Amino acid sequence: MLNTAPKFKKIVLLIKSKIPSTDISSNVRVTHEDCAMVITGDYVIITEDFQGNNIDDEHSVVGKIYELKEIDSYKLYKN
């Protein structure tokens, strides 16, 4: 996880989506849980923490980068 980034229980993003060859646009809902978020420049970086449940499972972090122009809105759920 990003060590200095604020951590949240859940982040819900509404991503802008345009249907090809039409003027119709809609939003796609994307949810990230147990995550951190940073807005930097023209980008939003979200990292999700995946902790293994067993002793053999590895701890891992998965990151996703969105351009700000793709995002319609977001909602943050604090821990």
C-alpha atoms as a PDB file:
ATOM      1  CA  MET A   1       0.000   0.000   0.000  1.00  0.00           C
ATOM      2  CA  LEU A   2       1.137   3.579  -0.409  1.00  0.00           C
ATOM      3  CA  ASN A   3       2.618   4.277   3.022  1.00  0.00           C
ATOM      4  CA  THR A   4       1.781   7.995   3.129  1.00  0.00           C
ATOM      5  CA  ALA A   5      -1.618   7.765   1.401  1.00  0.00           C
ATOM      6  CA  PRO A   6      -4.865   8.011   3.369  1.00  0.00           C
ATOM      7  CA  LYS A   7      -6.430   4.572   3.845  1.00  0.00           C
ATOM      8  CA  PHE A   8     -10.119   3.790   3.404  1.00  0.00           C
ATOM      9  CA  LYS A   9     -12.464   0.897   4.089  1.00  0.00           C
ATOM     10  CA  LYS A  10     -13.971   1.340   0.612  1.00  0.00           C
ATOM     11  CA  ILE A  11     -13.757   3.699  -2.376  1.00  0.00           C
ATOM     12  CA  VAL A  12     -16.498   3.847  -5.005  1.00  0.00           C
ATOM     13  CA  LEU A  13     -15.668   5.503  -8.332  1.00  0.00           C
ATOM     14  CA  LEU A  14     -18.120   6.471 -11.065  1.00  0.00           C
ATOM     15  CA  ILE A  15     -16.168   6.156 -14.320  1.00  0.00           C
ATOM     16  CA  LYS A  16     -17.412   8.000 -17.403  1.00  0.00           C
ATOM     17  CA  SER A  17     -18.345   5.647 -20.232  1.00  0.00           C
ATOM     18  CA  LYS A  18     -19.455   6.652 -23.707  1.00  0.00           C
ATOM     19  CA  ILE A  19     -21.255   4.217 -25.966  1.00  0.00           C
ATOM     20  CA  PRO A  20     -19.369   4.112 -29.297  1.00  0.00           C
ATOM     21  CA  SER A  21     -21.000   5.755 -32.339  1.00  0.00           C
ATOM     22  CA  THR A  22     -23.633   7.515 -30.186  1.00  0.00           C
ATOM     23  CA  ASP A  23     -23.868  10.614 -28.050  1.00  0.00           C
ATOM     24  CA  ILE A  24     -25.127   8.563 -25.100  1.00  0.00           C
ATOM     25  CA  SER A  25     -22.898   8.484 -22.049  1.00  0.00           C
ATOM     26  CA  SER A  26     -23.283   6.593 -18.814  1.00  0.00           C
ATOM     27  CA  ASN A  27     -21.272   5.814 -15.702  1.00  0.00           C
ATOM     28  CA  VAL A  28     -19.682   2.550 -14.645  1.00  0.00           C
ATOM     29  CA  ARG A  29     -19.386   1.912 -10.895  1.00  0.00           C
ATOM     30  CA  VAL A  30     -16.031   0.558  -9.669  1.00  0.00           C
ATOM     31  CA  THR A  31     -15.496  -0.431  -6.015  1.00  0.00           C
ATOM     32  CA  HIS A  32     -12.160  -0.870  -4.229  1.00  0.00           C
ATOM     33  CA  GLU A  33     -11.992  -2.219  -0.653  1.00  0.00           C
ATOM     34  CA  ASP A  34      -9.284  -1.976   2.022  1.00  0.00           C
ATOM     35  CA  CYS A  35      -7.417   0.571  -0.054  1.00  0.00           C
ATOM     36  CA  ALA A  36      -5.492   3.837  -0.225  1.00  0.00           C
ATOM     37  CA  MET A  37      -5.934   6.724  -2.668  1.00  0.00           C
ATOM     38  CA  VAL A  38      -3.716   9.541  -3.923  1.00  0.00           C
ATOM     39  CA  ILE A  39      -4.610  12.249  -6.442  1.00  0.00           C
ATOM     40  CA  THR A  40      -1.475  13.460  -8.186  1.00  0.00           C
ATOM     41  CA  GLY A  41      -1.338  15.614 -11.291  1.00  0.00           C
ATOM     42  CA  ASP A  42      -3.959  14.322 -13.728  1.00  0.00           C
ATOM     43  CA  TYR A  43      -4.155  10.858 -12.147  1.00  0.00           C
ATOM     44  CA  VAL A  44      -5.799   9.007  -9.273  1.00  0.00           C
ATOM     45  CA  ILE A  45      -3.796   6.084  -7.880  1.00  0.00           C
ATOM     46  CA  ILE A  46      -5.629   3.468  -5.807  1.00  0.00           C
ATOM     47  CA  THR A  47      -3.909   0.534  -4.141  1.00  0.00           C
ATOM     48  CA  GLU A  48      -5.778  -2.407  -2.604  1.00  0.00           C
ATOM     49  CA  ASP A  49      -4.311  -4.547   0.149  1.00  0.00           C
ATOM     50  CA  PHE A  50      -4.813  -8.319  -0.282  1.00  0.00           C
ATOM     51  CA  GLN A  51      -3.768 -10.207   2.824  1.00  0.00           C
ATOM     52  CA  GLY A  52      -3.661 -13.962   2.650  1.00  0.00           C
ATOM     53  CA  ASN A  53      -5.913 -15.899   5.024  1.00  0.00           C
ATOM     54  CA  ASN A  54      -3.555 -18.854   5.432  1.00  0.00           C
ATOM     55  CA  ILE A  55       0.046 -18.985   6.511  1.00  0.00           C
ATOM     56  CA  ASP A  56       1.015 -20.062   2.961  1.00  0.00           C
ATOM     57  CA  ASP A  57      -0.806 -17.170   1.248  1.00  0.00           C
ATOM     58  CA  GLU A  58       1.277 -14.178   0.292  1.00  0.00           C
ATOM     59  CA  HIS A  59       0.475 -10.614   1.219  1.00  0.00           C
ATOM     60  CA  SER A  60       0.111  -8.511  -1.914  1.00  0.00           C
ATOM     61  CA  VAL A  61      -0.880  -5.033  -3.029  1.00  0.00           C
ATOM     62  CA  VAL A  62      -2.608  -4.295  -6.327  1.00  0.00           C
ATOM     63  CA  GLY A  63      -2.589  -0.784  -7.800  1.00  0.00           C
ATOM     64  CA  LYS A  64      -4.854   0.852 -10.358  1.00  0.00           C
ATOM     65  CA  ILE A  65      -4.248   4.211 -12.081  1.00  0.00           C
ATOM     66  CA  TYR A  66      -7.122   6.292 -13.469  1.00  0.00           C
ATOM     67  CA  GLU A  67      -6.958   9.545 -15.417  1.00  0.00           C
ATOM     68  CA  LEU A  68      -8.945  12.307 -13.697  1.00  0.00           C
ATOM     69  CA  LYS A  69     -10.841  13.016 -16.923  1.00  0.00           C
ATOM     70  CA  GLU A  70     -12.237   9.427 -16.752  1.00  0.00           C
ATOM     71  CA  ILE A  71     -13.753   9.935 -13.290  1.00  0.00           C
ATOM     72  CA  ASP A  72     -17.183  11.508 -12.867  1.00  0.00           C
ATOM     73  CA  SER A  73     -17.222  11.283  -9.049  1.00  0.00           C
ATOM     74  CA  TYR A  74     -16.033   9.257  -6.076  1.00  0.00           C
ATOM     75  CA  LYS A  75     -17.174   8.387  -2.565  1.00  0.00           C
ATOM     76  CA  LEU A  76     -14.830   7.524   0.308  1.00  0.00           C
ATOM     77  CA  TYR A  77     -15.703   5.270   3.262  1.00  0.00           C
ATOM     78  CA  LYS A  78     -13.361   5.781   6.229  1.00  0.00           C
ATOM     79  CA  ASN A  79     -12.173   2.937   8.448  1.00  0.00           C
END
